[in-house]
Amino acid sequence: MTFEKVKKLLADQLNVDANTITEKSKVIDDLGADSLDVVEMLMTLEDEFNVTVSDEESVNLKTVGDIVKLIDSKTKKN
């Protein structure tokens, strides 16, 4: 499941407890990511899921659920 994989990646990268991450968790407000964390997160997600996230798409990634939906939409097309 995409959510579980994203949750683990975010927990590892941001040094937060994976059990506290939900699809409604806000990447910056709830998980404490800063702009550099977000860039690193996007690079990791692109590598891990073999997708490309445009700058326009990245602006809309506010919550963990937003990330999961975007990855699912990109991986289902392949």
N, C-alpha and C. Protein backbone atom coordinates (compact mmCIF):
# COMPACT_ATOMS: atom_id res chain seq x y z
N MET A 1 0.84 -1.19 0.00
CA MET A 1 0.00 0.00 0.00
C MET A 1 0.89 1.25 0.00
N THR A 2 0.53 2.18 -0.84
CA THR A 2 1.33 3.40 -1.00
C THR A 2 1.46 4.17 0.30
N PHE A 3 0.37 4.30 1.04
CA PHE A 3 0.40 5.09 2.28
C PHE A 3 1.44 4.56 3.25
N GLU A 4 1.49 3.25 3.43
CA GLU A 4 2.44 2.66 4.38
C GLU A 4 3.88 2.96 3.98
N LYS A 5 4.15 2.89 2.68
CA LYS A 5 5.50 3.14 2.19
C LYS A 5 5.88 4.62 2.37
N VAL A 6 4.94 5.50 2.02
CA VAL A 6 5.17 6.94 2.18
C VAL A 6 5.36 7.28 3.65
N LYS A 7 4.54 6.69 4.49
CA LYS A 7 4.63 6.94 5.93
C LYS A 7 6.01 6.56 6.46
N LYS A 8 6.50 5.40 6.06
CA LYS A 8 7.83 4.96 6.52
C LYS A 8 8.93 5.89 6.03
N LEU A 9 8.85 6.28 4.76
CA LEU A 9 9.86 7.18 4.21
C LEU A 9 9.87 8.52 4.95
N LEU A 10 8.68 9.06 5.20
CA LEU A 10 8.58 10.35 5.90
C LEU A 10 9.08 10.22 7.34
N ALA A 11 8.71 9.14 7.99
CA ALA A 11 9.14 8.94 9.38
C ALA A 11 10.67 8.87 9.46
N ASP A 12 11.27 8.14 8.53
CA ASP A 12 12.73 8.01 8.52
C ASP A 12 13.40 9.35 8.22
N GLN A 13 12.89 10.05 7.21
CA GLN A 13 13.52 11.29 6.79
C GLN A 13 13.35 12.41 7.80
N LEU A 14 12.15 12.50 8.38
CA LEU A 14 11.86 13.62 9.28
C LEU A 14 12.07 13.27 10.75
N ASN A 15 12.48 12.04 11.00
CA ASN A 15 12.75 11.57 12.36
C ASN A 15 11.52 11.74 13.26
N VAL A 16 10.38 11.28 12.76
CA VAL A 16 9.15 11.30 13.56
C VAL A 16 8.63 9.87 13.70
N ASP A 17 7.81 9.65 14.70
CA ASP A 17 7.22 8.34 14.94
C ASP A 17 6.21 8.04 13.83
N ALA A 18 6.41 6.94 13.13
CA ALA A 18 5.51 6.57 12.04
C ALA A 18 4.07 6.42 12.51
N ASN A 19 3.89 6.02 13.76
CA ASN A 19 2.54 5.84 14.29
C ASN A 19 1.76 7.14 14.42
N THR A 20 2.46 8.28 14.38
CA THR A 20 1.79 9.57 14.50
C THR A 20 1.37 10.12 13.13
N ILE A 21 1.81 9.47 12.07
CA ILE A 21 1.52 9.97 10.72
C ILE A 21 0.22 9.37 10.20
N THR A 22 -0.68 10.26 9.77
CA THR A 22 -1.93 9.83 9.12
C THR A 22 -2.00 10.50 7.76
N GLU A 23 -3.01 10.12 6.98
CA GLU A 23 -3.15 10.75 5.66
C GLU A 23 -3.50 12.23 5.78
N LYS A 24 -4.02 12.64 6.93
CA LYS A 24 -4.37 14.05 7.14
C LYS A 24 -3.22 14.86 7.71
N SER A 25 -2.11 14.20 8.05
CA SER A 25 -0.96 14.91 8.60
C SER A 25 -0.42 15.90 7.58
N LYS A 26 -0.22 17.14 8.02
CA LYS A 26 0.36 18.17 7.15
C LYS A 26 1.87 18.05 7.23
N VAL A 27 2.50 17.96 6.07
CA VAL A 27 3.93 17.69 6.01
C VAL A 27 4.74 18.76 6.75
N ILE A 28 4.38 20.02 6.57
CA ILE A 28 5.14 21.09 7.21
C ILE A 28 4.63 21.36 8.63
N ASP A 29 3.33 21.57 8.77
CA ASP A 29 2.78 21.96 10.08
C ASP A 29 2.82 20.85 11.11
N ASP A 30 2.45 19.63 10.71
CA ASP A 30 2.35 18.53 11.68
C ASP A 30 3.64 17.73 11.81
N LEU A 31 4.37 17.57 10.71
CA LEU A 31 5.56 16.71 10.74
C LEU A 31 6.85 17.50 10.88
N GLY A 32 6.75 18.83 10.84
CA GLY A 32 7.92 19.67 11.08
C GLY A 32 8.91 19.79 9.95
N ALA A 33 8.48 19.48 8.73
CA ALA A 33 9.39 19.58 7.58
C ALA A 33 9.63 21.05 7.24
N ASP A 34 10.85 21.34 6.79
CA ASP A 34 11.12 22.68 6.25
C ASP A 34 11.29 22.54 4.73
N SER A 35 11.59 23.64 4.08
CA SER A 35 11.64 23.61 2.61
C SER A 35 12.69 22.62 2.08
N LEU A 36 13.83 22.52 2.77
CA LEU A 36 14.85 21.56 2.34
C LEU A 36 14.36 20.13 2.52
N ASP A 37 13.67 19.87 3.64
CA ASP A 37 13.09 18.54 3.87
C ASP A 37 12.13 18.18 2.75
N VAL A 38 11.33 19.15 2.32
CA VAL A 38 10.34 18.89 1.27
C VAL A 38 11.03 18.52 -0.04
N VAL A 39 12.09 19.24 -0.38
CA VAL A 39 12.83 18.94 -1.61
C VAL A 39 13.43 17.53 -1.53
N GLU A 40 14.06 17.22 -0.39
CA GLU A 40 14.65 15.89 -0.21
C GLU A 40 13.58 14.81 -0.25
N MET A 41 12.42 15.08 0.36
CA MET A 41 11.32 14.14 0.37
C MET A 41 10.86 13.85 -1.06
N LEU A 42 10.71 14.91 -1.86
CA LEU A 42 10.27 14.72 -3.24
C LEU A 42 11.27 13.90 -4.04
N MET A 43 12.55 14.15 -3.84
CA MET A 43 13.57 13.38 -4.55
C MET A 43 13.51 11.91 -4.14
N THR A 44 13.33 11.65 -2.85
CA THR A 44 13.23 10.28 -2.36
C THR A 44 11.99 9.59 -2.93
N LEU A 45 10.87 10.29 -2.93
CA LEU A 45 9.63 9.71 -3.46
C LEU A 45 9.76 9.42 -4.95
N GLU A 46 10.38 10.35 -5.68
CA GLU A 46 10.57 10.12 -7.12
C GLU A 46 11.41 8.88 -7.37
N ASP A 47 12.48 8.72 -6.60
CA ASP A 47 13.35 7.54 -6.75
C ASP A 47 12.62 6.26 -6.34
N GLU A 48 11.96 6.32 -5.19
CA GLU A 48 11.32 5.13 -4.62
C GLU A 48 10.16 4.62 -5.49
N PHE A 49 9.38 5.54 -6.02
CA PHE A 49 8.18 5.15 -6.79
C PHE A 49 8.37 5.28 -8.29
N ASN A 50 9.56 5.72 -8.71
CA ASN A 50 9.85 5.88 -10.14
C ASN A 50 8.83 6.79 -10.82
N VAL A 51 8.62 7.96 -10.21
CA VAL A 51 7.71 8.96 -10.76
C VAL A 51 8.44 10.29 -10.83
N THR A 52 7.86 11.24 -11.55
CA THR A 52 8.39 12.59 -11.60
C THR A 52 7.32 13.53 -11.08
N VAL A 53 7.70 14.39 -10.14
CA VAL A 53 6.76 15.36 -9.57
C VAL A 53 7.18 16.74 -10.05
N SER A 54 6.29 17.40 -10.79
CA SER A 54 6.61 18.74 -11.31
C SER A 54 6.52 19.77 -10.19
N ASP A 55 7.09 20.94 -10.45
CA ASP A 55 7.02 22.02 -9.47
C ASP A 55 5.56 22.40 -9.20
N GLU A 56 4.75 22.40 -10.26
CA GLU A 56 3.34 22.75 -10.11
C GLU A 56 2.62 21.74 -9.21
N GLU A 57 2.95 20.47 -9.38
CA GLU A 57 2.33 19.43 -8.55
C GLU A 57 2.81 19.52 -7.10
N SER A 58 4.09 19.80 -6.93
CA SER A 58 4.65 19.81 -5.57
C SER A 58 4.03 20.90 -4.70
N VAL A 59 3.61 21.99 -5.31
CA VAL A 59 2.99 23.09 -4.56
C VAL A 59 1.71 22.63 -3.87
N ASN A 60 1.03 21.65 -4.46
CA ASN A 60 -0.25 21.18 -3.92
C ASN A 60 -0.12 20.04 -2.92
N LEU A 61 1.10 19.64 -2.62
CA LEU A 61 1.31 18.52 -1.70
C LEU A 61 1.41 19.03 -0.27
N LYS A 62 0.27 19.22 0.36
CA LYS A 62 0.24 19.76 1.72
C LYS A 62 0.17 18.65 2.77
N THR A 63 -0.56 17.58 2.47
CA THR A 63 -0.74 16.51 3.44
C THR A 63 -0.15 15.21 2.91
N VAL A 64 0.00 14.26 3.81
CA VAL A 64 0.48 12.93 3.42
C VAL A 64 -0.50 12.32 2.42
N GLY A 65 -1.79 12.54 2.62
CA GLY A 65 -2.80 12.04 1.69
C GLY A 65 -2.63 12.60 0.29
N ASP A 66 -2.26 13.89 0.20
CA ASP A 66 -2.01 14.50 -1.11
C ASP A 66 -0.87 13.77 -1.83
N ILE A 67 0.16 13.44 -1.08
CA ILE A 67 1.31 12.73 -1.66
C ILE A 67 0.89 11.36 -2.16
N VAL A 68 0.14 10.64 -1.33
CA VAL A 68 -0.32 9.29 -1.69
C VAL A 68 -1.18 9.34 -2.96
N LYS A 69 -2.12 10.29 -3.01
CA LYS A 69 -3.00 10.40 -4.19
C LYS A 69 -2.19 10.68 -5.45
N LEU A 70 -1.21 11.58 -5.36
CA LEU A 70 -0.40 11.91 -6.52
C LEU A 70 0.40 10.69 -6.99
N ILE A 71 1.03 10.01 -6.06
CA ILE A 71 1.81 8.82 -6.43
C ILE A 71 0.91 7.75 -7.03
N ASP A 72 -0.24 7.51 -6.40
CA ASP A 72 -1.16 6.51 -6.94
C ASP A 72 -1.60 6.89 -8.36
N SER A 73 -1.89 8.16 -8.60
CA SER A 73 -2.34 8.58 -9.93
C SER A 73 -1.25 8.38 -10.97
N LYS A 74 -0.01 8.57 -10.56
CA LYS A 74 1.11 8.42 -11.50
C LYS A 74 1.50 6.95 -11.72
N THR A 75 1.39 6.13 -10.67
CA THR A 75 1.81 4.74 -10.82
C THR A 75 0.72 3.88 -11.45
N LYS A 76 -0.52 4.28 -11.36
CA LYS A 76 -1.61 3.50 -11.96
C LYS A 76 -1.60 3.63 -13.48
N LYS A 77 -1.01 4.71 -14.01
CA LYS A 77 -0.98 4.92 -15.45
C LYS A 77 0.04 4.02 -16.13
N ASN A 78 1.03 3.56 -15.37
CA ASN A 78 2.11 2.76 -15.97
C ASN A 78 1.70 1.34 -16.22
